[in-house]
N, C-alpha and C. Protein backbone atom coordinates (compact mmCIF):
# COMPACT_ATOMS: atom_id res chain seq x y z
N VAL A 1 97.36 114.06 112.04
CA VAL A 1 97.42 113.18 110.87
C VAL A 1 98.39 113.78 109.87
N GLN A 2 99.24 112.91 109.35
CA GLN A 2 100.17 113.32 108.29
C GLN A 2 99.79 112.57 107.02
N LEU A 3 99.89 113.27 105.90
CA LEU A 3 99.52 112.69 104.62
C LEU A 3 100.70 112.80 103.67
N GLN A 4 101.07 111.69 103.08
CA GLN A 4 102.20 111.65 102.15
C GLN A 4 101.69 111.20 100.79
N ALA A 5 101.67 112.12 99.87
CA ALA A 5 101.20 111.81 98.52
C ALA A 5 102.37 111.40 97.64
N SER A 6 102.08 110.55 96.69
CA SER A 6 103.09 110.15 95.72
C SER A 6 102.41 109.81 94.41
N GLY A 7 103.22 109.69 93.39
CA GLY A 7 102.70 109.43 92.07
C GLY A 7 102.67 110.70 91.26
N GLY A 8 101.80 110.76 90.30
CA GLY A 8 101.76 111.90 89.41
C GLY A 8 102.80 111.79 88.33
N GLY A 9 102.92 112.82 87.53
CA GLY A 9 103.90 112.83 86.46
C GLY A 9 103.29 113.32 85.17
N LEU A 10 103.92 112.94 84.09
CA LEU A 10 103.51 113.38 82.76
C LEU A 10 102.82 112.25 82.02
N VAL A 11 101.71 112.57 81.39
CA VAL A 11 100.97 111.55 80.63
C VAL A 11 100.35 112.23 79.42
N GLN A 12 100.17 111.46 78.37
CA GLN A 12 99.51 111.99 77.19
C GLN A 12 98.00 111.96 77.35
N PRO A 13 97.30 112.81 76.62
CA PRO A 13 95.84 112.75 76.68
C PRO A 13 95.33 111.36 76.37
N GLY A 14 94.37 110.93 77.15
CA GLY A 14 93.84 109.58 76.99
C GLY A 14 94.56 108.54 77.82
N GLY A 15 95.66 108.92 78.40
CA GLY A 15 96.45 107.99 79.18
C GLY A 15 95.95 107.84 80.61
N SER A 16 96.70 107.06 81.37
CA SER A 16 96.32 106.77 82.75
C SER A 16 97.48 107.08 83.68
N LEU A 17 97.12 107.38 84.91
CA LEU A 17 98.11 107.71 85.92
C LEU A 17 97.52 107.43 87.28
N ASN A 18 98.36 107.03 88.20
CA ASN A 18 97.89 106.76 89.56
C ASN A 18 98.60 107.67 90.54
N VAL A 19 97.87 108.08 91.55
CA VAL A 19 98.47 108.78 92.68
C VAL A 19 98.00 108.08 93.95
N SER A 20 98.81 108.16 94.97
CA SER A 20 98.45 107.53 96.23
C SER A 20 98.72 108.48 97.38
N CYS A 21 98.08 108.20 98.50
CA CYS A 21 98.20 109.04 99.68
C CYS A 21 98.25 108.13 100.90
N ALA A 22 99.36 108.17 101.60
CA ALA A 22 99.52 107.36 102.81
C ALA A 22 99.31 108.23 104.02
N ALA A 23 98.41 107.81 104.89
CA ALA A 23 98.12 108.56 106.11
C ALA A 23 98.84 107.92 107.29
N SER A 24 99.26 108.76 108.19
CA SER A 24 99.90 108.27 109.42
C SER A 24 99.47 109.15 110.58
N GLY A 25 99.78 108.72 111.76
CA GLY A 25 99.36 109.46 112.94
C GLY A 25 98.03 108.93 113.44
N ARG A 26 97.15 109.83 113.85
CA ARG A 26 95.87 109.44 114.42
C ARG A 26 94.86 109.12 113.32
N THR A 27 95.14 108.07 112.59
CA THR A 27 94.29 107.74 111.44
C THR A 27 92.90 107.28 111.86
N SER A 28 92.75 106.86 113.09
CA SER A 28 91.42 106.43 113.55
C SER A 28 90.44 107.59 113.61
N THR A 29 90.94 108.81 113.57
CA THR A 29 90.06 109.98 113.64
C THR A 29 89.61 110.47 112.27
N ILE A 30 90.09 109.82 111.22
CA ILE A 30 89.75 110.26 109.87
C ILE A 30 88.30 109.95 109.55
N LYS A 31 87.58 110.97 109.10
CA LYS A 31 86.18 110.82 108.68
C LYS A 31 86.09 110.75 107.16
N ASP A 32 86.62 111.73 106.50
CA ASP A 32 86.66 111.76 105.04
C ASP A 32 88.12 111.78 104.61
N ILE A 33 88.40 111.15 103.48
CA ILE A 33 89.74 111.22 102.92
C ILE A 33 89.62 111.15 101.41
N GLY A 34 90.42 111.93 100.73
CA GLY A 34 90.34 111.92 99.28
C GLY A 34 91.26 112.93 98.66
N TRP A 35 90.80 113.47 97.53
CA TRP A 35 91.65 114.32 96.71
C TRP A 35 90.93 115.58 96.25
N PHE A 36 91.67 116.67 96.28
CA PHE A 36 91.31 117.90 95.61
C PHE A 36 92.35 118.13 94.51
N ARG A 37 92.07 119.06 93.65
CA ARG A 37 93.08 119.48 92.69
C ARG A 37 93.00 120.98 92.48
N SER A 38 94.15 121.51 92.11
CA SER A 38 94.24 122.94 91.87
C SER A 38 94.78 123.14 90.47
N ARG A 39 93.91 123.67 89.62
CA ARG A 39 94.33 123.97 88.27
C ARG A 39 94.76 125.43 88.22
N GLN A 40 94.83 125.98 87.08
CA GLN A 40 95.29 127.36 87.00
C GLN A 40 94.38 128.26 87.81
N GLY A 41 94.99 129.14 88.57
CA GLY A 41 94.24 130.06 89.39
C GLY A 41 94.11 129.55 90.82
N PRO A 42 93.57 130.40 91.70
CA PRO A 42 93.46 130.01 93.10
C PRO A 42 92.34 129.02 93.33
N GLY A 43 92.37 128.41 94.47
CA GLY A 43 91.31 127.52 94.86
C GLY A 43 91.56 126.08 94.46
N ARG A 44 90.87 125.21 95.13
CA ARG A 44 90.99 123.78 94.87
C ARG A 44 89.61 123.21 94.68
N ASP A 45 89.51 122.26 93.79
CA ASP A 45 88.23 121.60 93.51
C ASP A 45 88.30 120.16 93.97
N VAL A 46 87.22 119.69 94.54
CA VAL A 46 87.19 118.30 94.97
C VAL A 46 87.21 117.40 93.75
N VAL A 47 87.91 116.28 93.89
CA VAL A 47 88.00 115.31 92.80
C VAL A 47 87.26 114.03 93.19
N ALA A 48 87.68 113.44 94.29
CA ALA A 48 87.07 112.20 94.75
C ALA A 48 87.40 112.03 96.22
N PHE A 49 86.49 111.39 96.94
CA PHE A 49 86.74 111.18 98.36
C PHE A 49 85.86 110.06 98.88
N PHE A 50 86.28 109.54 100.01
CA PHE A 50 85.49 108.55 100.74
C PHE A 50 84.79 109.24 101.91
N ARG A 51 83.51 108.95 102.03
CA ARG A 51 82.74 109.40 103.19
C ARG A 51 81.84 108.26 103.61
N ASP A 52 81.90 107.90 104.87
CA ASP A 52 81.10 106.79 105.39
C ASP A 52 81.30 105.52 104.56
N GLY A 53 82.54 105.35 104.10
CA GLY A 53 82.86 104.15 103.35
C GLY A 53 82.47 104.17 101.89
N LEU A 54 81.83 105.25 101.46
CA LEU A 54 81.37 105.33 100.07
C LEU A 54 82.25 106.28 99.27
N ALA A 55 82.47 105.94 98.03
CA ALA A 55 83.25 106.79 97.15
C ALA A 55 82.36 107.86 96.52
N ASN A 56 82.89 109.06 96.45
CA ASN A 56 82.18 110.18 95.84
C ASN A 56 83.11 110.82 94.81
N TYR A 57 82.51 111.29 93.72
CA TYR A 57 83.30 111.83 92.63
C TYR A 57 82.72 113.15 92.14
N ALA A 58 83.63 114.02 91.70
CA ALA A 58 83.18 115.20 90.98
C ALA A 58 82.60 114.75 89.64
N GLU A 59 81.61 115.48 89.17
CA GLU A 59 80.98 115.11 87.90
C GLU A 59 81.99 115.02 86.77
N SER A 60 82.97 115.88 86.80
CA SER A 60 83.93 115.97 85.71
C SER A 60 84.84 114.75 85.59
N VAL A 61 84.88 113.93 86.64
CA VAL A 61 85.78 112.78 86.60
C VAL A 61 85.05 111.45 86.72
N LYS A 62 83.75 111.50 86.88
CA LYS A 62 82.98 110.26 87.02
C LYS A 62 83.18 109.36 85.80
N GLY A 63 83.42 108.09 86.09
CA GLY A 63 83.61 107.14 85.01
C GLY A 63 85.04 107.09 84.49
N ARG A 64 85.86 108.04 84.92
CA ARG A 64 87.26 108.05 84.46
C ARG A 64 88.24 107.88 85.61
N PHE A 65 87.89 108.42 86.75
CA PHE A 65 88.75 108.33 87.93
C PHE A 65 88.12 107.35 88.93
N PHE A 66 88.98 106.63 89.63
CA PHE A 66 88.49 105.63 90.57
C PHE A 66 89.32 105.72 91.84
N ILE A 67 88.64 105.91 92.95
CA ILE A 67 89.32 106.00 94.23
C ILE A 67 89.17 104.68 94.96
N SER A 68 90.23 104.26 95.60
CA SER A 68 90.18 103.02 96.37
C SER A 68 91.05 103.21 97.61
N ARG A 69 90.95 102.27 98.53
CA ARG A 69 91.72 102.40 99.76
C ARG A 69 92.18 101.04 100.26
N ASP A 70 93.30 101.06 100.93
CA ASP A 70 93.81 99.89 101.61
C ASP A 70 93.89 100.26 103.09
N ASN A 71 92.93 99.83 103.86
CA ASN A 71 92.85 100.23 105.26
C ASN A 71 94.04 99.71 106.06
N ALA A 72 94.55 98.56 105.68
CA ALA A 72 95.69 98.00 106.42
C ALA A 72 96.93 98.88 106.26
N LYS A 73 97.00 99.55 105.12
CA LYS A 73 98.15 100.42 104.85
C LYS A 73 97.81 101.88 105.07
N ASN A 74 96.56 102.15 105.46
CA ASN A 74 96.12 103.55 105.62
C ASN A 74 96.45 104.37 104.38
N THR A 75 96.17 103.79 103.25
CA THR A 75 96.53 104.43 101.99
C THR A 75 95.31 104.52 101.08
N VAL A 76 95.18 105.66 100.44
CA VAL A 76 94.12 105.90 99.48
C VAL A 76 94.76 106.07 98.10
N TYR A 77 94.12 105.48 97.11
CA TYR A 77 94.65 105.53 95.76
C TYR A 77 93.66 106.22 94.85
N LEU A 78 94.19 106.92 93.88
CA LEU A 78 93.35 107.52 92.85
C LEU A 78 93.88 107.06 91.50
N GLN A 79 93.09 106.24 90.84
CA GLN A 79 93.43 105.79 89.50
C GLN A 79 92.75 106.72 88.51
N MET A 80 93.54 107.34 87.68
CA MET A 80 93.02 108.30 86.72
C MET A 80 93.18 107.73 85.31
N THR A 81 92.09 107.57 84.63
CA THR A 81 92.12 107.06 83.27
C THR A 81 91.48 108.07 82.33
N GLY A 82 91.71 107.88 81.04
CA GLY A 82 91.12 108.79 80.07
C GLY A 82 91.45 110.23 80.36
N LEU A 83 92.68 110.48 80.73
CA LEU A 83 93.05 111.82 81.17
C LEU A 83 92.89 112.84 80.05
N LYS A 84 92.40 113.99 80.43
CA LYS A 84 92.19 115.10 79.50
C LYS A 84 93.15 116.24 79.84
N LEU A 85 93.30 117.12 78.90
CA LEU A 85 94.14 118.29 79.16
C LEU A 85 93.65 119.05 80.39
N SER A 86 92.33 119.05 80.57
CA SER A 86 91.75 119.79 81.69
C SER A 86 91.99 119.12 83.03
N ASP A 87 92.50 117.90 83.03
CA ASP A 87 92.82 117.23 84.29
C ASP A 87 94.19 117.61 84.82
N ALA A 88 94.97 118.30 84.01
CA ALA A 88 96.29 118.72 84.46
C ALA A 88 96.13 119.65 85.65
N ALA A 89 96.81 119.32 86.72
CA ALA A 89 96.64 120.09 87.96
C ALA A 89 97.63 119.58 88.99
N VAL A 90 97.69 120.29 90.08
CA VAL A 90 98.37 119.77 91.27
C VAL A 90 97.29 119.08 92.10
N TYR A 91 97.52 117.83 92.41
CA TYR A 91 96.55 117.04 93.16
C TYR A 91 96.97 116.99 94.63
N TYR A 92 96.00 117.28 95.47
CA TYR A 92 96.25 117.32 96.91
C TYR A 92 95.40 116.28 97.62
N CYS A 93 96.07 115.49 98.41
CA CYS A 93 95.36 114.57 99.28
C CYS A 93 94.91 115.34 100.53
N TYR A 94 93.73 115.00 101.03
CA TYR A 94 93.26 115.64 102.25
C TYR A 94 92.57 114.62 103.14
N ALA A 95 92.45 114.97 104.39
CA ALA A 95 91.70 114.15 105.33
C ALA A 95 91.00 115.07 106.32
N ASP A 96 89.74 114.81 106.55
CA ASP A 96 88.98 115.49 107.58
C ASP A 96 88.90 114.58 108.80
N THR A 97 89.28 115.11 109.93
CA THR A 97 89.29 114.29 111.15
C THR A 97 88.39 114.90 112.21
N ALA A 98 87.94 114.05 113.11
CA ALA A 98 87.15 114.50 114.26
C ALA A 98 87.51 113.61 115.44
N PRO A 99 87.55 114.16 116.64
CA PRO A 99 87.86 113.34 117.81
C PRO A 99 86.73 112.37 118.10
N ALA A 100 87.04 111.32 118.82
CA ALA A 100 86.03 110.33 119.18
C ALA A 100 84.88 111.01 119.92
N GLY A 101 83.68 110.79 119.43
CA GLY A 101 82.51 111.39 120.06
C GLY A 101 82.29 112.84 119.72
N GLY A 102 83.21 113.41 118.95
CA GLY A 102 83.09 114.82 118.58
C GLY A 102 82.69 114.98 117.13
N SER A 103 82.31 116.19 116.78
CA SER A 103 81.90 116.44 115.41
C SER A 103 82.68 117.56 114.74
N ARG A 104 83.52 118.23 115.50
CA ARG A 104 84.27 119.34 114.91
C ARG A 104 85.37 118.77 114.03
N LEU A 105 85.32 119.15 112.77
CA LEU A 105 86.26 118.60 111.81
C LEU A 105 87.52 119.46 111.70
N THR A 106 88.62 118.78 111.54
CA THR A 106 89.90 119.43 111.24
C THR A 106 90.40 118.85 109.94
N ARG A 107 90.80 119.71 109.03
CA ARG A 107 91.24 119.25 107.72
C ARG A 107 92.77 119.29 107.67
N TYR A 108 93.32 118.21 107.16
CA TYR A 108 94.75 118.10 106.93
C TYR A 108 95.00 117.93 105.44
N TRP A 109 96.12 118.47 105.01
CA TRP A 109 96.49 118.40 103.60
C TRP A 109 97.85 117.75 103.45
N GLY A 110 97.98 116.98 102.40
CA GLY A 110 99.28 116.49 102.01
C GLY A 110 99.90 117.46 101.01
N ARG A 111 101.17 117.25 100.73
CA ARG A 111 101.81 118.05 99.69
C ARG A 111 101.21 117.68 98.35
N GLY A 112 101.11 118.64 97.50
CA GLY A 112 100.56 118.39 96.19
C GLY A 112 101.49 117.58 95.31
N THR A 113 100.88 116.85 94.40
CA THR A 113 101.66 116.13 93.41
C THR A 113 101.18 116.56 92.03
N LEU A 114 102.11 116.85 91.16
CA LEU A 114 101.77 117.43 89.87
C LEU A 114 101.41 116.37 88.84
N VAL A 115 100.30 116.59 88.20
CA VAL A 115 99.87 115.76 87.07
C VAL A 115 99.85 116.65 85.84
N THR A 116 100.66 116.30 84.87
CA THR A 116 100.75 117.05 83.63
C THR A 116 100.18 116.20 82.50
N VAL A 117 99.25 116.75 81.77
CA VAL A 117 98.66 116.06 80.63
C VAL A 117 99.04 116.85 79.38
N SER A 118 99.83 116.23 78.56
CA SER A 118 100.33 116.95 77.38
C SER A 118 100.74 115.96 76.31
N SER A 119 100.51 116.36 75.07
CA SER A 119 100.96 115.53 73.97
C SER A 119 102.34 115.95 73.50
């Protein structure tokens, strides 16, 4: 599976921004798909993702971020509203895949896209 992220950019606090992630390859094997972000320091935190068709959100973004998908385009979107300084990060699209009938997950990452929140 290949993941191509796009969007991001500079926005003022309180503003909105969208990022998208287009999946290609063996998309039928995708189990979970969504977004992590990496703020200052190592590690990535989950932001939002789809699992079993349901959207899941980190507490810090609930009510402000909205994940959606277009299955025909194999694309996942993240609409970010009410952006805060603390939302500034590199956002990474990811997908967890498993073979048909299997349960072993393999995680794929897209290139990060930078979201800058600044006045």
